[in-house]
Amino acid sequence: MRKTLFCLIGFWIAVTSLSFFYSFRSIKLNHEKLILQTARSLFDAMVIIRKWNSLHNGVYVLNRMISVPGLAEKNSLL
């Protein structure tokens, strides 16, 4: 009886250990795939934005000499 119980416990520990290592490996691989896909998506977005920007001759910014209200003057003390 006791020998059978130890065999069952050993078998249960072996099965759960194998299940844990398989799940851990699977999670690690899926995590790496997710990171790679996210990096590729961000890179593609940057390429698309830069291409659009170059097709539209860059970004147009008005050069106004009017200061924005609320900003401190250059020579003012803190």
PDB file of N, CA and C in Angstrom:
ATOM      1  N   MET A   1       0.822  -1.202   0.000  1.00  0.00           N
ATOM      2  CA  MET A   1       0.000   0.000   0.000  1.00  0.00           C
ATOM      3  C   MET A   1       0.864   1.264   0.000  1.00  0.00           C
ATOM      4  N   ARG A   2       1.845   1.256   0.854  1.00  0.00           N
ATOM      5  CA  ARG A   2       2.707   2.426   0.972  1.00  0.00           C
ATOM      6  C   ARG A   2       3.554   2.617  -0.289  1.00  0.00           C
ATOM      7  N   LYS A   3       4.020   1.515  -0.856  1.00  0.00           N
ATOM      8  CA  LYS A   3       4.834   1.571  -2.064  1.00  0.00           C
ATOM      9  C   LYS A   3       4.007   2.123  -3.236  1.00  0.00           C
ATOM     10  N   THR A   4       2.761   1.715  -3.331  1.00  0.00           N
ATOM     11  CA  THR A   4       1.869   2.200  -4.383  1.00  0.00           C
ATOM     12  C   THR A   4       1.614   3.696  -4.231  1.00  0.00           C
ATOM     13  N   LEU A   5       1.434   4.133  -2.992  1.00  0.00           N
ATOM     14  CA  LEU A   5       1.202   5.554  -2.731  1.00  0.00           C
ATOM     15  C   LEU A   5       2.409   6.393  -3.150  1.00  0.00           C
ATOM     16  N   PHE A   6       3.618   5.927  -2.828  1.00  0.00           N
ATOM     17  CA  PHE A   6       4.832   6.649  -3.225  1.00  0.00           C
ATOM     18  C   PHE A   6       4.989   6.672  -4.747  1.00  0.00           C
ATOM     19  N   CYS A   7       4.625   5.588  -5.405  1.00  0.00           N
ATOM     20  CA  CYS A   7       4.697   5.557  -6.871  1.00  0.00           C
ATOM     21  C   CYS A   7       3.711   6.548  -7.484  1.00  0.00           C
ATOM     22  N   LEU A   8       2.495   6.597  -6.950  1.00  0.00           N
ATOM     23  CA  LEU A   8       1.500   7.544  -7.449  1.00  0.00           C
ATOM     24  C   LEU A   8       1.927   8.990  -7.213  1.00  0.00           C
ATOM     25  N   ILE A   9       2.470   9.263  -6.033  1.00  0.00           N
ATOM     26  CA  ILE A   9       2.945  10.621  -5.733  1.00  0.00           C
ATOM     27  C   ILE A   9       4.104  10.998  -6.654  1.00  0.00           C
ATOM     28  N   GLY A  10       5.031  10.072  -6.874  1.00  0.00           N
ATOM     29  CA  GLY A  10       6.155  10.323  -7.778  1.00  0.00           C
ATOM     30  C   GLY A  10       5.695  10.570  -9.206  1.00  0.00           C
ATOM     31  N   PHE A  11       4.727   9.765  -9.652  1.00  0.00           N
ATOM     32  CA  PHE A  11       4.174   9.949 -10.992  1.00  0.00           C
ATOM     33  C   PHE A  11       3.481  11.303 -11.111  1.00  0.00           C
ATOM     34  N   TRP A  12       2.716  11.680 -10.086  1.00  0.00           N
ATOM     35  CA  TRP A  12       2.010  12.965 -10.097  1.00  0.00           C
ATOM     36  C   TRP A  12       3.000  14.133 -10.135  1.00  0.00           C
ATOM     37  N   ILE A  13       4.069  14.046  -9.351  1.00  0.00           N
ATOM     38  CA  ILE A  13       5.099  15.099  -9.344  1.00  0.00           C
ATOM     39  C   ILE A  13       5.774  15.192 -10.710  1.00  0.00           C
ATOM     40  N   ALA A  14       6.067  14.040 -11.323  1.00  0.00           N
ATOM     41  CA  ALA A  14       6.710  14.039 -12.640  1.00  0.00           C
ATOM     42  C   ALA A  14       5.802  14.667 -13.696  1.00  0.00           C
ATOM     43  N   VAL A  15       4.525  14.307 -13.678  1.00  0.00           N
ATOM     44  CA  VAL A  15       3.589  14.846 -14.668  1.00  0.00           C
ATOM     45  C   VAL A  15       3.413  16.350 -14.487  1.00  0.00           C
ATOM     46  N   THR A  16       3.246  16.808 -13.255  1.00  0.00           N
ATOM     47  CA  THR A  16       3.071  18.245 -13.031  1.00  0.00           C
ATOM     48  C   THR A  16       4.342  19.018 -13.353  1.00  0.00           C
ATOM     49  N   SER A  17       5.501  18.435 -13.085  1.00  0.00           N
ATOM     50  CA  SER A  17       6.764  19.104 -13.426  1.00  0.00           C
ATOM     51  C   SER A  17       6.913  19.247 -14.935  1.00  0.00           C
ATOM     52  N   LEU A  18       6.614  18.179 -15.673  1.00  0.00           N
ATOM     53  CA  LEU A  18       6.689  18.252 -17.134  1.00  0.00           C
ATOM     54  C   LEU A  18       5.690  19.268 -17.681  1.00  0.00           C
ATOM     55  N   SER A  19       4.506  19.290 -17.108  1.00  0.00           N
ATOM     56  CA  SER A  19       3.494  20.257 -17.534  1.00  0.00           C
ATOM     57  C   SER A  19       3.963  21.684 -17.274  1.00  0.00           C
ATOM     58  N   PHE A  20       4.569  21.915 -16.120  1.00  0.00           N
ATOM     59  CA  PHE A  20       5.073  23.248 -15.786  1.00  0.00           C
ATOM     60  C   PHE A  20       6.153  23.687 -16.765  1.00  0.00           C
ATOM     61  N   PHE A  21       7.127  22.811 -17.045  1.00  0.00           N
ATOM     62  CA  PHE A  21       8.220  23.189 -17.937  1.00  0.00           C
ATOM     63  C   PHE A  21       7.733  23.401 -19.368  1.00  0.00           C
ATOM     64  N   TYR A  22       6.765  22.603 -19.806  1.00  0.00           N
ATOM     65  CA  TYR A  22       6.200  22.803 -21.140  1.00  0.00           C
ATOM     66  C   TYR A  22       5.466  24.141 -21.212  1.00  0.00           C
ATOM     67  N   SER A  23       4.675  24.443 -20.201  1.00  0.00           N
ATOM     68  CA  SER A  23       3.936  25.707 -20.177  1.00  0.00           C
ATOM     69  C   SER A  23       4.887  26.898 -20.102  1.00  0.00           C
ATOM     70  N   PHE A  24       5.923  26.797 -19.286  1.00  0.00           N
ATOM     71  CA  PHE A  24       6.900  27.875 -19.148  1.00  0.00           C
ATOM     72  C   PHE A  24       7.602  28.136 -20.476  1.00  0.00           C
ATOM     73  N   ARG A  25       7.988  27.067 -21.171  1.00  0.00           N
ATOM     74  CA  ARG A  25       8.655  27.203 -22.467  1.00  0.00           C
ATOM     75  C   ARG A  25       7.709  27.841 -23.484  1.00  0.00           C
ATOM     76  N   SER A  26       6.465  27.412 -23.485  1.00  0.00           N
ATOM     77  CA  SER A  26       5.476  27.958 -24.409  1.00  0.00           C
ATOM     78  C   SER A  26       5.237  29.445 -24.144  1.00  0.00           C
ATOM     79  N   ILE A  27       5.125  29.822 -22.892  1.00  0.00           N
ATOM     80  CA  ILE A  27       4.922  31.230 -22.534  1.00  0.00           C
ATOM     81  C   ILE A  27       6.121  32.067 -22.960  1.00  0.00           C
ATOM     82  N   LYS A  28       7.321  31.552 -22.750  1.00  0.00           N
ATOM     83  CA  LYS A  28       8.528  32.286 -23.125  1.00  0.00           C
ATOM     84  C   LYS A  28       8.587  32.506 -24.639  1.00  0.00           C
ATOM     85  N   LEU A  29       8.270  31.477 -25.417  1.00  0.00           N
ATOM     86  CA  LEU A  29       8.288  31.620 -26.877  1.00  0.00           C
ATOM     87  C   LEU A  29       7.228  32.609 -27.353  1.00  0.00           C
ATOM     88  N   ASN A  30       6.040  32.539 -26.788  1.00  0.00           N
ATOM     89  CA  ASN A  30       4.980  33.471 -27.181  1.00  0.00           C
ATOM     90  C   ASN A  30       5.318  34.902 -26.783  1.00  0.00           C
ATOM     91  N   HIS A  31       5.983  35.066 -25.649  1.00  0.00           N
ATOM     92  CA  HIS A  31       6.390  36.395 -25.204  1.00  0.00           C
ATOM     93  C   HIS A  31       7.412  36.989 -26.175  1.00  0.00           C
ATOM     94  N   GLU A  32       8.369  36.184 -26.607  1.00  0.00           N
ATOM     95  CA  GLU A  32       9.368  36.661 -27.563  1.00  0.00           C
ATOM     96  C   GLU A  32       8.722  37.010 -28.905  1.00  0.00           C
ATOM     97  N   LYS A  33       7.743  36.207 -29.345  1.00  0.00           N
ATOM     98  CA  LYS A  33       7.036  36.515 -30.590  1.00  0.00           C
ATOM     99  C   LYS A  33       6.268  37.827 -30.468  1.00  0.00           C
ATOM    100  N   LEU A  34       5.646  38.045 -29.323  1.00  0.00           N
ATOM    101  CA  LEU A  34       4.892  39.282 -29.098  1.00  0.00           C
ATOM    102  C   LEU A  34       5.814  40.497 -29.117  1.00  0.00           C
ATOM    103  N   ILE A  35       6.964  40.390 -28.479  1.00  0.00           N
ATOM    104  CA  ILE A  35       7.931  41.495 -28.466  1.00  0.00           C
ATOM    105  C   ILE A  35       8.408  41.799 -29.885  1.00  0.00           C
ATOM    106  N   LEU A  36       8.720  40.754 -30.649  1.00  0.00           N
ATOM    107  CA  LEU A  36       9.194  40.944 -32.018  1.00  0.00           C
ATOM    108  C   LEU A  36       8.117  41.581 -32.893  1.00  0.00           C
ATOM    109  N   GLN A  37       6.882  41.126 -32.765  1.00  0.00           N
ATOM    110  CA  GLN A  37       5.785  41.692 -33.555  1.00  0.00           C
ATOM    111  C   GLN A  37       5.529  43.153 -33.191  1.00  0.00           C
ATOM    112  N   THR A  38       5.609  43.483 -31.907  1.00  0.00           N
ATOM    113  CA  THR A  38       5.424  44.866 -31.473  1.00  0.00           C
ATOM    114  C   THR A  38       6.521  45.763 -32.033  1.00  0.00           C
ATOM    115  N   ALA A  39       7.757  45.290 -31.992  1.00  0.00           N
ATOM    116  CA  ALA A  39       8.871  46.073 -32.530  1.00  0.00           C
ATOM    117  C   ALA A  39       8.712  46.293 -34.031  1.00  0.00           C
ATOM    118  N   ARG A  40       8.290  45.251 -34.739  1.00  0.00           N
ATOM    119  CA  ARG A  40       8.085  45.403 -36.189  1.00  0.00           C
ATOM    120  C   ARG A  40       6.963  46.391 -36.494  1.00  0.00           C
ATOM    121  N   SER A  41       5.898  46.340 -35.713  1.00  0.00           N
ATOM    122  CA  SER A  41       4.782  47.265 -35.927  1.00  0.00           C
ATOM    123  C   SER A  41       5.209  48.708 -35.693  1.00  0.00           C
ATOM    124  N   LEU A  42       5.966  48.953 -34.629  1.00  0.00           N
ATOM    125  CA  LEU A  42       6.445  50.309 -34.355  1.00  0.00           C
ATOM    126  C   LEU A  42       7.382  50.801 -35.456  1.00  0.00           C
ATOM    127  N   PHE A  43       8.255  49.916 -35.927  1.00  0.00           N
ATOM    128  CA  PHE A  43       9.171  50.291 -36.996  1.00  0.00           C
ATOM    129  C   PHE A  43       8.400  50.629 -38.268  1.00  0.00           C
ATOM    130  N   ASP A  44       7.426  49.796 -38.618  1.00  0.00           N
ATOM    131  CA  ASP A  44       6.621  50.066 -39.813  1.00  0.00           C
ATOM    132  C   ASP A  44       5.868  51.388 -39.691  1.00  0.00           C
ATOM    133  N   ALA A  45       5.352  51.681 -38.503  1.00  0.00           N
ATOM    134  CA  ALA A  45       4.648  52.950 -38.296  1.00  0.00           C
ATOM    135  C   ALA A  45       5.599  54.125 -38.497  1.00  0.00           C
ATOM    136  N   MET A  46       6.823  54.014 -37.990  1.00  0.00           N
ATOM    137  CA  MET A  46       7.798  55.093 -38.171  1.00  0.00           C
ATOM    138  C   MET A  46       8.149  55.280 -39.640  1.00  0.00           C
ATOM    139  N   VAL A  47       8.299  54.178 -40.366  1.00  0.00           N
ATOM    140  CA  VAL A  47       8.615  54.267 -41.799  1.00  0.00           C
ATOM    141  C   VAL A  47       7.480  54.946 -42.550  1.00  0.00           C
ATOM    142  N   ILE A  48       6.243  54.583 -42.244  1.00  0.00           N
ATOM    143  CA  ILE A  48       5.085  55.188 -42.916  1.00  0.00           C
ATOM    144  C   ILE A  48       5.008  56.681 -42.613  1.00  0.00           C
ATOM    145  N   ILE A  49       5.223  57.061 -41.360  1.00  0.00           N
ATOM    146  CA  ILE A  49       5.171  58.477 -40.981  1.00  0.00           C
ATOM    147  C   ILE A  49       6.276  59.265 -41.674  1.00  0.00           C
ATOM    148  N   ARG A  50       7.486  58.710 -41.730  1.00  0.00           N
ATOM    149  CA  ARG A  50       8.589  59.412 -42.389  1.00  0.00           C
ATOM    150  C   ARG A  50       8.350  59.526 -43.894  1.00  0.00           C
ATOM    151  N   LYS A  51       7.768  58.481 -44.483  1.00  0.00           N
ATOM    152  CA  LYS A  51       7.471  58.540 -45.916  1.00  0.00           C
ATOM    153  C   LYS A  51       6.420  59.607 -46.198  1.00  0.00           C
ATOM    154  N   TRP A  52       5.372  59.651 -45.398  1.00  0.00           N
ATOM    155  CA  TRP A  52       4.334  60.671 -45.573  1.00  0.00           C
ATOM    156  C   TRP A  52       4.939  62.064 -45.423  1.00  0.00           C
ATOM    157  N   ASN A  53       5.804  62.223 -44.424  1.00  0.00           N
ATOM    158  CA  ASN A  53       6.438  63.515 -44.174  1.00  0.00           C
ATOM    159  C   ASN A  53       7.297  63.935 -45.366  1.00  0.00           C
ATOM    160  N   SER A  54       8.055  63.018 -45.934  1.00  0.00           N
ATOM    161  CA  SER A  54       8.906  63.371 -47.073  1.00  0.00           C
ATOM    162  C   SER A  54       8.079  63.642 -48.329  1.00  0.00           C
ATOM    163  N   LEU A  55       6.946  62.969 -48.492  1.00  0.00           N
ATOM    164  CA  LEU A  55       6.083  63.230 -49.648  1.00  0.00           C
ATOM    165  C   LEU A  55       5.405  64.590 -49.557  1.00  0.00           C
ATOM    166  N   HIS A  56       5.262  65.107 -48.355  1.00  0.00           N
ATOM    167  CA  HIS A  56       4.610  66.402 -48.153  1.00  0.00           C
ATOM    168  C   HIS A  56       5.629  67.512 -47.857  1.00  0.00           C
ATOM    169  N   ASN A  57       6.866  67.314 -48.270  1.00  0.00           N
ATOM    170  CA  ASN A  57       7.940  68.309 -48.137  1.00  0.00           C
ATOM    171  C   ASN A  57       8.191  68.726 -46.696  1.00  0.00           C
ATOM    172  N   GLY A  58       8.168  67.810 -45.809  1.00  0.00           N
ATOM    173  CA  GLY A  58       8.489  68.101 -44.412  1.00  0.00           C
ATOM    174  C   GLY A  58       7.325  68.699 -43.657  1.00  0.00           C
ATOM    175  N   VAL A  59       7.623  69.162 -42.482  1.00  0.00           N
ATOM    176  CA  VAL A  59       6.610  69.752 -41.613  1.00  0.00           C
ATOM    177  C   VAL A  59       6.697  71.263 -41.741  1.00  0.00           C
ATOM    178  N   TYR A  60       5.568  71.900 -41.940  1.00  0.00           N
ATOM    179  CA  TYR A  60       5.524  73.353 -42.077  1.00  0.00           C
ATOM    180  C   TYR A  60       5.240  73.968 -40.716  1.00  0.00           C
ATOM    181  N   VAL A  61       6.152  74.829 -40.284  1.00  0.00           N
ATOM    182  CA  VAL A  61       5.995  75.518 -39.004  1.00  0.00           C
ATOM    183  C   VAL A  61       6.093  77.009 -39.262  1.00  0.00           C
ATOM    184  N   LEU A  62       5.104  77.752 -38.808  1.00  0.00           N
ATOM    185  CA  LEU A  62       5.140  79.204 -38.947  1.00  0.00           C
ATOM    186  C   LEU A  62       6.188  79.780 -38.006  1.00  0.00           C
ATOM    187  N   ASN A  63       6.971  80.725 -38.514  1.00  0.00           N
ATOM    188  CA  ASN A  63       7.971  81.388 -37.692  1.00  0.00           C
ATOM    189  C   ASN A  63       7.391  82.728 -37.267  1.00  0.00           C
ATOM    190  N   ARG A  64       6.819  82.767 -36.078  1.00  0.00           N
ATOM    191  CA  ARG A  64       6.212  83.998 -35.569  1.00  0.00           C
ATOM    192  C   ARG A  64       7.096  84.569 -34.471  1.00  0.00           C
ATOM    193  N   MET A  65       7.205  85.846 -34.461  1.00  0.00           N
ATOM    194  CA  MET A  65       8.002  86.507 -33.438  1.00  0.00           C
ATOM    195  C   MET A  65       7.163  86.822 -32.205  1.00  0.00           C
ATOM    196  N   ILE A  66       5.907  86.455 -32.209  1.00  0.00           N
ATOM    197  CA  ILE A  66       5.026  86.722 -31.076  1.00  0.00           C
ATOM    198  C   ILE A  66       5.280  85.662 -30.008  1.00  0.00           C
ATOM    199  N   SER A  67       5.513  86.118 -28.800  1.00  0.00           N
ATOM    200  CA  SER A  67       5.741  85.154 -27.725  1.00  0.00           C
ATOM    201  C   SER A  67       4.412  84.589 -27.245  1.00  0.00           C
ATOM    202  N   VAL A  68       4.472  83.421 -26.724  1.00  0.00           N
ATOM    203  CA  VAL A  68       3.275  82.752 -26.221  1.00  0.00           C
ATOM    204  C   VAL A  68       2.968  83.298 -24.836  1.00  0.00           C
ATOM    205  N   PRO A  69       1.728  83.726 -24.588  1.00  0.00           N
ATOM    206  CA  PRO A  69       1.396  84.236 -23.258  1.00  0.00           C
ATOM    207  C   PRO A  69       1.536  83.129 -22.215  1.00  0.00           C
ATOM    208  N   GLY A  70       2.010  83.504 -21.062  1.00  0.00           N
ATOM    209  CA  GLY A  70       2.182  82.533 -19.988  1.00  0.00           C
ATOM    210  C   GLY A  70       3.609  82.047 -19.839  1.00  0.00           C
ATOM    211  N   LEU A  71       4.434  82.247 -20.871  1.00  0.00           N
ATOM    212  CA  LEU A  71       5.833  81.864 -20.752  1.00  0.00           C
ATOM    213  C   LEU A  71       6.611  82.997 -20.106  1.00  0.00           C
ATOM    214  N   ALA A  72       7.615  82.648 -19.351  1.00  0.00           N
ATOM    215  CA  ALA A  72       8.420  83.659 -18.661  1.00  0.00           C
ATOM    216  C   ALA A  72       9.284  84.416 -19.669  1.00  0.00           C
ATOM    217  N   GLU A  73       9.577  85.656 -19.354  1.00  0.00           N
ATOM    218  CA  GLU A  73      10.469  86.459 -20.186  1.00  0.00           C
ATOM    219  C   GLU A  73      11.885  85.917 -20.059  1.00  0.00           C
ATOM    220  N   LYS A  74      12.707  86.165 -21.065  1.00  0.00           N
ATOM    221  CA  LYS A  74      14.066  85.639 -21.070  1.00  0.00           C
ATOM    222  C   LYS A  74      14.911  86.204 -19.932  1.00  0.00           C
ATOM    223  N   ASN A  75      14.754  87.485 -19.618  1.00  0.00           N
ATOM    224  CA  ASN A  75      15.607  88.133 -18.629  1.00  0.00           C
ATOM    225  C   ASN A  75      14.977  88.209 -17.240  1.00  0.00           C
ATOM    226  N   SER A  76      13.865  87.570 -17.049  1.00  0.00           N
ATOM    227  CA  SER A  76      13.228  87.665 -15.729  1.00  0.00           C
ATOM    228  C   SER A  76      13.903  86.713 -14.745  1.00  0.00           C
ATOM    229  N   LEU A  77      13.859  87.109 -13.481  1.00  0.00           N
ATOM    230  CA  LEU A  77      14.441  86.279 -12.431  1.00  0.00           C
ATOM    231  C   LEU A  77      13.393  85.312 -11.908  1.00  0.00           C
ATOM    232  N   LEU A  78      13.866  84.176 -11.454  1.00  0.00           N
ATOM    233  CA  LEU A  78      12.942  83.178 -10.915  1.00  0.00           C
ATOM    234  C   LEU A  78      12.559  83.504  -9.516  1.00  0.00           C
TER     235      LEU A  78
END
